[in-house]
Amino acid sequence: RRRHVPDWVWSVTSIAALLALWFGVTRSGLVKPGYLPAPET
């Protein structure tokens, strides 16, 4: 099953994981908005 997964699927997954991490960090308040703006900002 892993052999039949196209490479672009893994690329999109990594980008989506990075965006999810970005959303999570900005929503949790670990970093102030002045230093790491939220994606919608």
Full PDB file with SEQRES, HELIX, SHEET, SSBOND, CRYST1, ORIGX, SCALE, CONECT and MASTER records, all heavy atoms in Angstrom:
SEQRES   1 A   41  ARG ARG ARG HIS VAL PRO ASP TRP VAL TRP SER VAL THR          
SEQRES   2 A   41  SER ILE ALA ALA LEU LEU ALA LEU TRP PHE GLY VAL THR          
SEQRES   3 A   41  ARG SER GLY LEU VAL LYS PRO GLY TYR LEU PRO ALA PRO          
SEQRES   4 A   41  GLU THR                                                      
HELIX    1 AA1 ASP A    7  SER A   28  1                                  22    
CRYST1    1.000    1.000    1.000  90.00  90.00  90.00 P 1           1          
ORIGX1      1.000000  0.000000  0.000000        0.00000                         
ORIGX2      0.000000  1.000000  0.000000        0.00000                         
ORIGX3      0.000000  0.000000  1.000000        0.00000                         
SCALE1      1.000000  0.000000  0.000000        0.00000                         
SCALE2      0.000000  1.000000  0.000000        0.00000                         
SCALE3      0.000000  0.000000  1.000000        0.00000                         
ATOM      1  N   ARG A   1       0.831  -1.206   0.000  1.00  0.00           N  
ATOM      2  CA  ARG A   1       0.000   0.000   0.000  1.00  0.00           C  
ATOM      3  C   ARG A   1       0.862   1.250   0.000  1.00  0.00           C  
ATOM      4  O   ARG A   1       0.559   2.225  -0.679  1.00  0.00           O  
ATOM      5  CB  ARG A   1      -0.915  -0.019   1.230  1.00  0.00           C  
ATOM      6  CG  ARG A   1      -1.959   1.101   1.214  1.00  0.00           C  
ATOM      7  CD  ARG A   1      -2.771   1.114   2.499  1.00  0.00           C  
ATOM      8  NE  ARG A   1      -3.414  -0.180   2.739  1.00  0.00           N  
ATOM      9  CZ  ARG A   1      -3.132  -0.966   3.760  1.00  0.00           C  
ATOM     10  NH1 ARG A   1      -2.207  -0.596   4.634  1.00  0.00           N  
ATOM     11  NH2 ARG A   1      -3.735  -2.119   3.924  1.00  0.00           N  
ATOM     12  N   ARG A   2       1.978   1.254   0.770  1.00  0.00           N  
ATOM     13  CA  ARG A   2       2.852   2.415   0.838  1.00  0.00           C  
ATOM     14  C   ARG A   2       3.546   2.668  -0.504  1.00  0.00           C  
ATOM     15  O   ARG A   2       3.825   3.791  -0.874  1.00  0.00           O  
ATOM     16  CB  ARG A   2       3.885   2.212   1.940  1.00  0.00           C  
ATOM     17  CG  ARG A   2       4.773   3.417   2.165  1.00  0.00           C  
ATOM     18  CD  ARG A   2       5.520   3.325   3.476  1.00  0.00           C  
ATOM     19  NE  ARG A   2       6.266   2.077   3.604  1.00  0.00           N  
ATOM     20  CZ  ARG A   2       5.967   1.118   4.480  1.00  0.00           C  
ATOM     21  NH1 ARG A   2       4.946   1.246   5.306  1.00  0.00           N  
ATOM     22  NH2 ARG A   2       6.678   0.009   4.532  1.00  0.00           N  
ATOM     23  N   ARG A   3       3.811   1.588  -1.249  1.00  0.00           N  
ATOM     24  CA  ARG A   3       4.476   1.748  -2.530  1.00  0.00           C  
ATOM     25  C   ARG A   3       3.589   2.464  -3.536  1.00  0.00           C  
ATOM     26  O   ARG A   3       4.073   3.175  -4.414  1.00  0.00           O  
ATOM     27  CB  ARG A   3       4.855   0.364  -3.070  1.00  0.00           C  
ATOM     28  CG  ARG A   3       5.661   0.405  -4.355  1.00  0.00           C  
ATOM     29  CD  ARG A   3       5.881  -0.989  -4.879  1.00  0.00           C  
ATOM     30  NE  ARG A   3       4.600  -1.645  -5.182  1.00  0.00           N  
ATOM     31  CZ  ARG A   3       4.487  -2.905  -5.579  1.00  0.00           C  
ATOM     32  NH1 ARG A   3       5.566  -3.662  -5.668  1.00  0.00           N  
ATOM     33  NH2 ARG A   3       3.304  -3.416  -5.838  1.00  0.00           N  
ATOM     34  N   HIS A   4       2.279   2.323  -3.423  1.00  0.00           N  
ATOM     35  CA  HIS A   4       1.355   2.907  -4.390  1.00  0.00           C  
ATOM     36  C   HIS A   4       0.948   4.334  -4.020  1.00  0.00           C  
ATOM     37  O   HIS A   4       0.208   4.959  -4.771  1.00  0.00           O  
ATOM     38  CB  HIS A   4       0.098   2.033  -4.527  1.00  0.00           C  
ATOM     39  CG  HIS A   4       0.374   0.681  -5.125  1.00  0.00           C  
ATOM     40  ND1 HIS A   4       0.852   0.517  -6.408  1.00  0.00           N  
ATOM     41  CD2 HIS A   4       0.266  -0.565  -4.597  1.00  0.00           C  
ATOM     42  CE1 HIS A   4       1.000  -0.775  -6.673  1.00  0.00           C  
ATOM     43  NE2 HIS A   4       0.657  -1.457  -5.583  1.00  0.00           N  
ATOM     44  N   VAL A   5       1.420   4.854  -2.920  1.00  0.00           N  
ATOM     45  CA  VAL A   5       1.079   6.230  -2.547  1.00  0.00           C  
ATOM     46  C   VAL A   5       1.961   7.186  -3.344  1.00  0.00           C  
ATOM     47  O   VAL A   5       3.191   7.106  -3.283  1.00  0.00           O  
ATOM     48  CB  VAL A   5       1.288   6.460  -1.035  1.00  0.00           C  
ATOM     49  CG1 VAL A   5       1.028   7.909  -0.673  1.00  0.00           C  
ATOM     50  CG2 VAL A   5       0.365   5.546  -0.249  1.00  0.00           C  
ATOM     51  N   PRO A   6       1.400   8.108  -4.131  1.00  0.00           N  
ATOM     52  CA  PRO A   6       2.222   9.042  -4.923  1.00  0.00           C  
ATOM     53  C   PRO A   6       3.026   9.971  -4.017  1.00  0.00           C  
ATOM     54  O   PRO A   6       2.674  10.234  -2.863  1.00  0.00           O  
ATOM     55  CB  PRO A   6       1.181   9.822  -5.743  1.00  0.00           C  
ATOM     56  CG  PRO A   6      -0.067   8.992  -5.695  1.00  0.00           C  
ATOM     57  CD  PRO A   6      -0.036   8.270  -4.385  1.00  0.00           C  
ATOM     58  N   ASP A   7       4.117  10.495  -4.563  1.00  0.00           N  
ATOM     59  CA  ASP A   7       4.979  11.375  -3.785  1.00  0.00           C  
ATOM     60  C   ASP A   7       4.276  12.677  -3.405  1.00  0.00           C  
ATOM     61  O   ASP A   7       4.530  13.240  -2.344  1.00  0.00           O  
ATOM     62  CB  ASP A   7       6.258  11.686  -4.574  1.00  0.00           C  
ATOM     63  CG  ASP A   7       7.139  10.449  -4.715  1.00  0.00           C  
ATOM     64  OD1 ASP A   7       6.953   9.499  -3.940  1.00  0.00           O  
ATOM     65  OD2 ASP A   7       8.017  10.460  -5.608  1.00  0.00           O  
ATOM     66  N   TRP A   8       3.380  13.156  -4.299  1.00  0.00           N  
ATOM     67  CA  TRP A   8       2.738  14.433  -4.015  1.00  0.00           C  
ATOM     68  C   TRP A   8       1.829  14.338  -2.795  1.00  0.00           C  
ATOM     69  O   TRP A   8       1.595  15.353  -2.117  1.00  0.00           O  
ATOM     70  CB  TRP A   8       1.942  14.919  -5.232  1.00  0.00           C  
ATOM     71  CG  TRP A   8       0.776  14.059  -5.608  1.00  0.00           C  
ATOM     72  CD1 TRP A   8       0.746  13.058  -6.506  1.00  0.00           C  
ATOM     73  CD2 TRP A   8      -0.557  14.156  -5.069  1.00  0.00           C  
ATOM     74  NE1 TRP A   8      -0.504  12.493  -6.590  1.00  0.00           N  
ATOM     75  CE2 TRP A   8      -1.329  13.165  -5.716  1.00  0.00           C  
ATOM     76  CE3 TRP A   8      -1.169  14.969  -4.129  1.00  0.00           C  
ATOM     77  CZ2 TRP A   8      -2.666  12.966  -5.442  1.00  0.00           C  
ATOM     78  CZ3 TRP A   8      -2.509  14.779  -3.862  1.00  0.00           C  
ATOM     79  CH2 TRP A   8      -3.253  13.801  -4.504  1.00  0.00           C  
ATOM     80  N   VAL A   9       1.359  13.131  -2.488  1.00  0.00           N  
ATOM     81  CA  VAL A   9       0.520  12.962  -1.299  1.00  0.00           C  
ATOM     82  C   VAL A   9       1.349  13.226  -0.041  1.00  0.00           C  
ATOM     83  O   VAL A   9       0.889  13.914   0.889  1.00  0.00           O  
ATOM     84  CB  VAL A   9      -0.104  11.559  -1.269  1.00  0.00           C  
ATOM     85  CG1 VAL A   9      -0.855  11.333   0.031  1.00  0.00           C  
ATOM     86  CG2 VAL A   9      -1.028  11.352  -2.464  1.00  0.00           C  
ATOM     87  N   TRP A  10       2.573  12.717  -0.024  1.00  0.00           N  
ATOM     88  CA  TRP A  10       3.431  12.967   1.125  1.00  0.00           C  
ATOM     89  C   TRP A  10       3.805  14.446   1.224  1.00  0.00           C  
ATOM     90  O   TRP A  10       3.911  14.996   2.328  1.00  0.00           O  
ATOM     91  CB  TRP A  10       4.711  12.126   1.021  1.00  0.00           C  
ATOM     92  CG  TRP A  10       4.440  10.654   1.035  1.00  0.00           C  
ATOM     93  CD1 TRP A  10       4.514   9.789  -0.019  1.00  0.00           C  
ATOM     94  CD2 TRP A  10       4.036   9.865   2.163  1.00  0.00           C  
ATOM     95  NE1 TRP A  10       4.209   8.520   0.365  1.00  0.00           N  
ATOM     96  CE2 TRP A  10       3.898   8.530   1.713  1.00  0.00           C  
ATOM     97  CE3 TRP A  10       3.776  10.153   3.502  1.00  0.00           C  
ATOM     98  CZ2 TRP A  10       3.522   7.493   2.552  1.00  0.00           C  
ATOM     99  CZ3 TRP A  10       3.404   9.118   4.342  1.00  0.00           C  
ATOM    100  CH2 TRP A  10       3.276   7.817   3.870  1.00  0.00           C  
ATOM    101  N   SER A  11       4.010  15.093   0.080  1.00  0.00           N  
ATOM    102  CA  SER A  11       4.334  16.525   0.097  1.00  0.00           C  
ATOM    103  C   SER A  11       3.178  17.344   0.662  1.00  0.00           C  
ATOM    104  O   SER A  11       3.374  18.218   1.518  1.00  0.00           O  
ATOM    105  CB  SER A  11       4.678  16.999  -1.324  1.00  0.00           C  
ATOM    106  OG  SER A  11       5.778  16.288  -1.844  1.00  0.00           O  
ATOM    107  N   VAL A  12       1.976  17.055   0.184  1.00  0.00           N  
ATOM    108  CA  VAL A  12       0.804  17.784   0.680  1.00  0.00           C  
ATOM    109  C   VAL A  12       0.582  17.500   2.168  1.00  0.00           C  
ATOM    110  O   VAL A  12       0.225  18.403   2.940  1.00  0.00           O  
ATOM    111  CB  VAL A  12      -0.443  17.399  -0.149  1.00  0.00           C  
ATOM    112  CG1 VAL A  12      -1.703  17.997   0.466  1.00  0.00           C  
ATOM    113  CG2 VAL A  12      -0.289  17.874  -1.585  1.00  0.00           C  
ATOM    114  N   THR A  13       0.824  16.276   2.575  1.00  0.00           N  
ATOM    115  CA  THR A  13       0.655  15.924   3.985  1.00  0.00           C  
ATOM    116  C   THR A  13       1.632  16.690   4.873  1.00  0.00           C  
ATOM    117  O   THR A  13       1.261  17.170   5.958  1.00  0.00           O  
ATOM    118  CB  THR A  13       0.842  14.409   4.181  1.00  0.00           C  
ATOM    119  OG1 THR A  13      -0.085  13.706   3.348  1.00  0.00           O  
ATOM    120  CG2 THR A  13       0.624  14.027   5.625  1.00  0.00           C  
ATOM    121  N   SER A  14       2.875  16.804   4.434  1.00  0.00           N  
ATOM    122  CA  SER A  14       3.861  17.542   5.242  1.00  0.00           C  
ATOM    123  C   SER A  14       3.498  19.018   5.355  1.00  0.00           C  
ATOM    124  O   SER A  14       3.626  19.621   6.429  1.00  0.00           O  
ATOM    125  CB  SER A  14       5.249  17.380   4.626  1.00  0.00           C  
ATOM    126  OG  SER A  14       5.300  17.980   3.335  1.00  0.00           O  
ATOM    127  N   ILE A  15       3.011  19.608   4.252  1.00  0.00           N  
ATOM    128  CA  ILE A  15       2.604  21.014   4.299  1.00  0.00           C  
ATOM    129  C   ILE A  15       1.400  21.191   5.212  1.00  0.00           C  
ATOM    130  O   ILE A  15       1.326  22.147   6.008  1.00  0.00           O  
ATOM    131  CB  ILE A  15       2.303  21.527   2.876  1.00  0.00           C  
ATOM    132  CG1 ILE A  15       3.582  21.503   2.042  1.00  0.00           C  
ATOM    133  CG2 ILE A  15       1.725  22.933   2.922  1.00  0.00           C  
ATOM    134  CD1 ILE A  15       3.365  21.866   0.591  1.00  0.00           C  
ATOM    135  N   ALA A  16       0.443  20.275   5.105  1.00  0.00           N  
ATOM    136  CA  ALA A  16      -0.737  20.360   5.961  1.00  0.00           C  
ATOM    137  C   ALA A  16      -0.362  20.208   7.437  1.00  0.00           C  
ATOM    138  O   ALA A  16      -0.909  20.910   8.305  1.00  0.00           O  
ATOM    139  CB  ALA A  16      -1.749  19.293   5.558  1.00  0.00           C  
ATOM    140  N   ALA A  17       0.583  19.324   7.740  1.00  0.00           N  
ATOM    141  CA  ALA A  17       1.026  19.159   9.124  1.00  0.00           C  
ATOM    142  C   ALA A  17       1.710  20.422   9.631  1.00  0.00           C  
ATOM    143  O   ALA A  17       1.520  20.827  10.798  1.00  0.00           O  
ATOM    144  CB  ALA A  17       1.970  17.960   9.225  1.00  0.00           C  
ATOM    145  N   LEU A  18       2.495  21.065   8.782  1.00  0.00           N  
ATOM    146  CA  LEU A  18       3.152  22.311   9.183  1.00  0.00           C  
ATOM    147  C   LEU A  18       2.129  23.413   9.450  1.00  0.00           C  
ATOM    148  O   LEU A  18       2.243  24.162  10.434  1.00  0.00           O  
ATOM    149  CB  LEU A  18       4.140  22.744   8.096  1.00  0.00           C  
ATOM    150  CG  LEU A  18       4.951  24.005   8.384  1.00  0.00           C  
ATOM    151  CD1 LEU A  18       5.822  23.818   9.618  1.00  0.00           C  
ATOM    152  CD2 LEU A  18       5.809  24.366   7.176  1.00  0.00           C  
ATOM    153  N   LEU A  19       1.115  23.509   8.596  1.00  0.00           N  
ATOM    154  CA  LEU A  19       0.069  24.509   8.811  1.00  0.00           C  
ATOM    155  C   LEU A  19      -0.717  24.213  10.090  1.00  0.00           C  
ATOM    156  O   LEU A  19      -1.068  25.138  10.838  1.00  0.00           O  
ATOM    157  CB  LEU A  19      -0.877  24.547   7.603  1.00  0.00           C  
ATOM    158  CG  LEU A  19      -0.294  25.116   6.306  1.00  0.00           C  
ATOM    159  CD1 LEU A  19      -1.308  24.994   5.174  1.00  0.00           C  
ATOM    160  CD2 LEU A  19       0.101  26.579   6.492  1.00  0.00           C  
ATOM    161  N   ALA A  20      -0.994  22.936  10.327  1.00  0.00           N  
ATOM    162  CA  ALA A  20      -1.705  22.579  11.553  1.00  0.00           C  
ATOM    163  C   ALA A  20      -0.891  22.936  12.790  1.00  0.00           C  
ATOM    164  O   ALA A  20      -1.425  23.429  13.794  1.00  0.00           O  
ATOM    165  CB  ALA A  20      -2.044  21.089  11.538  1.00  0.00           C  
ATOM    166  N   LEU A  21       0.412  22.696  12.720  1.00  0.00           N  
ATOM    167  CA  LEU A  21       1.282  23.073  13.832  1.00  0.00           C  
ATOM    168  C   LEU A  21       1.294  24.585  14.035  1.00  0.00           C  
ATOM    169  O   LEU A  21       1.262  25.072  15.176  1.00  0.00           O  
ATOM    170  CB  LEU A  21       2.691  22.561  13.572  1.00  0.00           C  
ATOM    171  CG  LEU A  21       3.752  22.890  14.629  1.00  0.00           C  
ATOM    172  CD1 LEU A  21       3.384  22.251  15.969  1.00  0.00           C  
ATOM    173  CD2 LEU A  21       5.125  22.433  14.172  1.00  0.00           C  
ATOM    174  N   TRP A  22       1.298  25.318  12.939  1.00  0.00           N  
ATOM    175  CA  TRP A  22       1.270  26.789  13.006  1.00  0.00           C  
ATOM    176  C   TRP A  22      -0.025  27.261  13.672  1.00  0.00           C  
ATOM    177  O   TRP A  22      -0.015  28.121  14.560  1.00  0.00           O  
ATOM    178  CB  TRP A  22       1.406  27.334  11.589  1.00  0.00           C  
ATOM    179  CG  TRP A  22       1.524  28.827  11.491  1.00  0.00           C  
ATOM    180  CD1 TRP A  22       1.674  29.725  12.502  1.00  0.00           C  
ATOM    181  CD2 TRP A  22       1.507  29.584  10.288  1.00  0.00           C  
ATOM    182  NE1 TRP A  22       1.752  30.995  12.030  1.00  0.00           N  
ATOM    183  CE2 TRP A  22       1.655  30.941  10.664  1.00  0.00           C  
ATOM    184  CE3 TRP A  22       1.379  29.263   8.941  1.00  0.00           C  
ATOM    185  CZ2 TRP A  22       1.667  31.958   9.722  1.00  0.00           C  
ATOM    186  CZ3 TRP A  22       1.406  30.273   8.006  1.00  0.00           C  
ATOM    187  CH2 TRP A  22       1.543  31.608   8.397  1.00  0.00           C  
ATOM    188  N   PHE A  23      -1.153  26.711  13.224  1.00  0.00           N  
ATOM    189  CA  PHE A  23      -2.437  27.068  13.834  1.00  0.00           C  
ATOM    190  C   PHE A  23      -2.430  26.738  15.321  1.00  0.00           C  
ATOM    191  O   PHE A  23      -2.892  27.525  16.158  1.00  0.00           O  
ATOM    192  CB  PHE A  23      -3.577  26.318  13.142  1.00  0.00           C  
ATOM    193  CG  PHE A  23      -4.152  27.044  11.958  1.00  0.00           C  
ATOM    194  CD1 PHE A  23      -3.820  26.652  10.676  1.00  0.00           C  
ATOM    195  CD2 PHE A  23      -5.026  28.107  12.125  1.00  0.00           C  
ATOM    196  CE1 PHE A  23      -4.347  27.305   9.574  1.00  0.00           C  
ATOM    197  CE2 PHE A  23      -5.564  28.769  11.037  1.00  0.00           C  
ATOM    198  CZ  PHE A  23      -5.222  28.368   9.750  1.00  0.00           C  
ATOM    199  N   GLY A  24      -1.921  25.556  15.653  1.00  0.00           N  
ATOM    200  CA  GLY A  24      -1.937  25.142  17.056  1.00  0.00           C  
ATOM    201  C   GLY A  24      -1.087  26.037  17.942  1.00  0.00           C  
ATOM    202  O   GLY A  24      -1.493  26.395  19.055  1.00  0.00           O  
ATOM    203  N   VAL A  25       0.086  26.436  17.460  1.00  0.00           N  
ATOM    204  CA  VAL A  25       0.961  27.279  18.267  1.00  0.00           C  
ATOM    205  C   VAL A  25       0.351  28.660  18.475  1.00  0.00           C  
ATOM    206  O   VAL A  25       0.374  29.218  19.583  1.00  0.00           O  
ATOM    207  CB  VAL A  25       2.352  27.379  17.606  1.00  0.00           C  
ATOM    208  CG1 VAL A  25       3.208  28.435  18.292  1.00  0.00           C  
ATOM    209  CG2 VAL A  25       3.053  26.036  17.652  1.00  0.00           C  
ATOM    210  N   THR A  26      -0.202  29.235  17.401  1.00  0.00           N  
ATOM    211  CA  THR A  26      -0.789  30.576  17.539  1.00  0.00           C  
ATOM    212  C   THR A  26      -2.061  30.560  18.384  1.00  0.00           C  
ATOM    213  O   THR A  26      -2.343  31.537  19.096  1.00  0.00           O  
ATOM    214  CB  THR A  26      -1.097  31.149  16.146  1.00  0.00           C  
ATOM    215  OG1 THR A  26      -1.918  30.219  15.406  1.00  0.00           O  
ATOM    216  CG2 THR A  26       0.177  31.402  15.369  1.00  0.00           C  
ATOM    217  N   ARG A  27      -2.818  29.460  18.308  1.00  0.00           N  
ATOM    218  CA  ARG A  27      -4.051  29.395  19.100  1.00  0.00           C  
ATOM    219  C   ARG A  27      -3.757  29.136  20.582  1.00  0.00           C  
ATOM    220  O   ARG A  27      -4.494  29.580  21.453  1.00  0.00           O  
ATOM    221  CB  ARG A  27      -4.962  28.284  18.571  1.00  0.00           C  
ATOM    222  CG  ARG A  27      -5.581  28.582  17.221  1.00  0.00           C  
ATOM    223  CD  ARG A  27      -6.620  29.698  17.326  1.00  0.00           C  
ATOM    224  NE  ARG A  27      -7.326  29.878  16.087  1.00  0.00           N  
ATOM    225  CZ  ARG A  27      -6.902  30.583  15.058  1.00  0.00           C  
ATOM    226  NH1 ARG A  27      -5.721  31.183  15.128  1.00  0.00           N  
ATOM    227  NH2 ARG A  27      -7.609  30.722  13.959  1.00  0.00           N  
ATOM    228  N   SER A  28      -2.681  28.403  20.849  1.00  0.00           N  
ATOM    229  CA  SER A  28      -2.399  28.048  22.239  1.00  0.00           C  
ATOM    230  C   SER A  28      -1.811  29.201  23.039  1.00  0.00           C  
ATOM    231  O   SER A  28      -1.798  29.141  24.270  1.00  0.00           O  
ATOM    232  CB  SER A  28      -1.435  26.855  22.275  1.00  0.00           C  
ATOM    233  OG  SER A  28      -0.191  27.217  21.691  1.00  0.00           O  
ATOM    234  N   GLY A  29      -1.298  30.215  22.370  1.00  0.00           N  
ATOM    235  CA  GLY A  29      -0.704  31.343  23.071  1.00  0.00           C  
ATOM    236  C   GLY A  29       0.721  31.102  23.534  1.00  0.00           C  
ATOM    237  O   GLY A  29       1.232  31.870  24.364  1.00  0.00           O  
ATOM    238  N   LEU A  30       1.372  30.050  23.027  1.00  0.00           N  
ATOM    239  CA  LEU A  30       2.760  29.796  23.419  1.00  0.00           C  
ATOM    240  C   LEU A  30       3.692  30.904  22.930  1.00  0.00           C  
ATOM    241  O   LEU A  30       4.708  31.198  23.570  1.00  0.00           O  
ATOM    242  CB  LEU A  30       3.218  28.446  22.860  1.00  0.00           C  
ATOM    243  CG  LEU A  30       2.509  27.202  23.420  1.00  0.00           C  
ATOM    244  CD1 LEU A  30       2.985  25.948  22.687  1.00  0.00           C  
ATOM    245  CD2 LEU A  30       2.760  27.079  24.921  1.00  0.00           C  
ATOM    246  N   VAL A  31       3.340  31.500  21.797  1.00  0.00           N  
ATOM    247  CA  VAL A  31       4.124  32.594  21.234  1.00  0.00           C  
ATOM    248  C   VAL A  31       3.201  33.793  21.069  1.00  0.00           C  
ATOM    249  O   VAL A  31       2.063  33.655  20.623  1.00  0.00           O  
ATOM    250  CB  VAL A  31       4.743  32.196  19.875  1.00  0.00           C  
ATOM    251  CG1 VAL A  31       5.598  33.340  19.329  1.00  0.00           C  
ATOM    252  CG2 VAL A  31       5.578  30.933  20.015  1.00  0.00           C  
ATOM    253  N   LYS A  32       3.682  34.959  21.432  1.00  0.00           N  
ATOM    254  CA  LYS A  32       2.863  36.160  21.329  1.00  0.00           C  
ATOM    255  C   LYS A  32       2.569  36.475  19.862  1.00  0.00           C  
ATOM    256  O   LYS A  32       3.412  36.267  18.984  1.00  0.00           O  
ATOM    257  CB  LYS A  32       3.587  37.333  21.976  1.00  0.00           C  
ATOM    258  CG  LYS A  32       3.775  37.191  23.481  1.00  0.00           C  
ATOM    259  CD  LYS A  32       4.479  38.409  24.057  1.00  0.00           C  
ATOM    260  CE  LYS A  32       4.668  38.263  25.565  1.00  0.00           C  
ATOM    261  NZ  LYS A  32       5.360  39.442  26.151  1.00  0.00           N  
ATOM    262  N   PRO A  33       1.377  37.015  19.560  1.00  0.00           N  
ATOM    263  CA  PRO A  33       1.021  37.324  18.171  1.00  0.00           C  
ATOM    264  C   PRO A  33       1.976  38.318  17.521  1.00  0.00           C  
ATOM    265  O   PRO A  33       2.138  38.323  16.299  1.00  0.00           O  
ATOM    266  CB  PRO A  33      -0.394  37.898  18.296  1.00  0.00           C  
ATOM    267  CG  PRO A  33      -0.912  37.370  19.583  1.00  0.00           C  
ATOM    268  CD  PRO A  33       0.259  37.243  20.492  1.00  0.00           C  
ATOM    269  N   GLY A  34       2.612  39.168  18.325  1.00  0.00           N  
ATOM    270  CA  GLY A  34       3.540  40.122  17.749  1.00  0.00           C  
ATOM    271  C   GLY A  34       4.787  39.475  17.186  1.00  0.00           C  
ATOM    272  O   GLY A  34       5.468  40.059  16.331  1.00  0.00           O  
ATOM    273  N   TYR A  35       5.113  38.269  17.649  1.00  0.00           N  
ATOM    274  CA  TYR A  35       6.304  37.575  17.177  1.00  0.00           C  
ATOM    275  C   TYR A  35       5.987  36.499  16.151  1.00  0.00           C  
ATOM    276  O   TYR A  35       6.811  36.228  15.277  1.00  0.00           O  
ATOM    277  CB  TYR A  35       7.048  36.948  18.359  1.00  0.00           C  
ATOM    278  CG  TYR A  35       7.630  37.965  19.305  1.00  0.00           C  
ATOM    279  CD1 TYR A  35       6.923  38.355  20.451  1.00  0.00           C  
ATOM    280  CD2 TYR A  35       8.864  38.549  19.062  1.00  0.00           C  
ATOM    281  CE1 TYR A  35       7.450  39.302  21.329  1.00  0.00           C  
ATOM    282  CE2 TYR A  35       9.395  39.493  19.926  1.00  0.00           C  
ATOM    283  CZ  TYR A  35       8.684  39.863  21.064  1.00  0.00           C  
ATOM    284  OH  TYR A  35       9.198  40.797  21.912  1.00  0.00           O  
ATOM    285  N   LEU A  36       4.825  35.876  16.262  1.00  0.00           N  
ATOM    286  CA  LEU A  36       4.398  34.863  15.294  1.00  0.00           C  
ATOM    287  C   LEU A  36       2.929  35.112  14.974  1.00  0.00           C  
ATOM    288  O   LEU A  36       2.034  34.640  15.686  1.00  0.00           O  
ATOM    289  CB  LEU A  36       4.594  33.456  15.850  1.00  0.00           C  
ATOM    290  CG  LEU A  36       4.192  32.310  14.900  1.00  0.00           C  
ATOM    291  CD1 LEU A  36       5.058  32.345  13.644  1.00  0.00           C  
ATOM    292  CD2 LEU A  36       4.325  30.959  15.600  1.00  0.00           C  
ATOM    293  N   PRO A  37       2.650  35.860  13.892  1.00  0.00           N  
ATOM    294  CA  PRO A  37       1.251  36.159  13.548  1.00  0.00           C  
ATOM    295  C   PRO A  37       0.506  34.892  13.139  1.00  0.00           C  
ATOM    296  O   PRO A  37       1.092  33.930  12.641  1.00  0.00           O  
ATOM    297  CB  PRO A  37       1.379  37.129  12.370  1.00  0.00           C  
ATOM    298  CG  PRO A  37       2.796  37.608  12.398  1.00  0.00           C  
ATOM    299  CD  PRO A  37       3.606  36.501  12.987  1.00  0.00           C  
ATOM    300  N   ALA A  38      -0.786  34.920  13.365  1.00  0.00           N  
ATOM    301  CA  ALA A  38      -1.643  33.809  12.956  1.00  0.00           C  
ATOM    302  C   ALA A  38      -1.787  33.810  11.434  1.00  0.00           C  
ATOM    303  O   ALA A  38      -1.615  34.835  10.776  1.00  0.00           O  
ATOM    304  CB  ALA A  38      -3.009  33.930  13.626  1.00  0.00           C  
ATOM    305  N   PRO A  39      -2.111  32.664  10.834  1.00  0.00           N  
ATOM    306  CA  PRO A  39      -2.255  32.606   9.372  1.00  0.00           C  
ATOM    307  C   PRO A  39      -3.298  33.585   8.839  1.00  0.00           C  
ATOM    308  O   PRO A  39      -3.095  34.201   7.786  1.00  0.00           O  
ATOM    309  CB  PRO A  39      -2.670  31.156   9.117  1.00  0.00           C  
ATOM    310  CG  PRO A  39      -2.103  30.398  10.270  1.00  0.00           C  
ATOM    311  CD  PRO A  39      -2.198  31.323  11.439  1.00  0.00           C  
ATOM    312  N   GLU A  40      -4.424  33.741   9.559  1.00  0.00           N  
ATOM    313  CA  GLU A  40      -5.446  34.678   9.060  1.00  0.00           C  
ATOM    314  C   GLU A  40      -4.971  36.122   9.117  1.00  0.00           C  
ATOM    315  O   GLU A  40      -5.356  36.955   8.280  1.00  0.00           O  
ATOM    316  CB  GLU A  40      -6.747  34.510   9.846  1.00  0.00           C  
ATOM    317  CG  GLU A  40      -6.620  34.737  11.354  1.00  0.00           C  
ATOM    318  CD  GLU A  40      -6.314  33.496  12.116  1.00  0.00           C  
ATOM    319  OE1 GLU A  40      -5.812  32.545  11.488  1.00  0.00           O  
ATOM    320  OE2 GLU A  40      -6.568  33.466  13.338  1.00  0.00           O  
ATOM    321  N   THR A  41      -4.101  36.441  10.087  1.00  0.00           N  
ATOM    322  CA  THR A  41      -3.536  37.790  10.150  1.00  0.00           C  
ATOM    323  C   THR A  41      -2.631  38.057   8.951  1.00  0.00           C  
ATOM    324  O   THR A  41      -2.671  39.145   8.358  1.00  0.00           O  
ATOM    325  CB  THR A  41      -2.740  37.969  11.450  1.00  0.00           C  
ATOM    326  OG1 THR A  41      -3.589  37.693  12.566  1.00  0.00           O  
ATOM    327  CG2 THR A  41      -2.179  39.378  11.560  1.00  0.00           C  
TER     328      THR A  41                                                      
MASTER        0    0    0    1    0    0    0    6  327    1    0    4          
END                                                                             
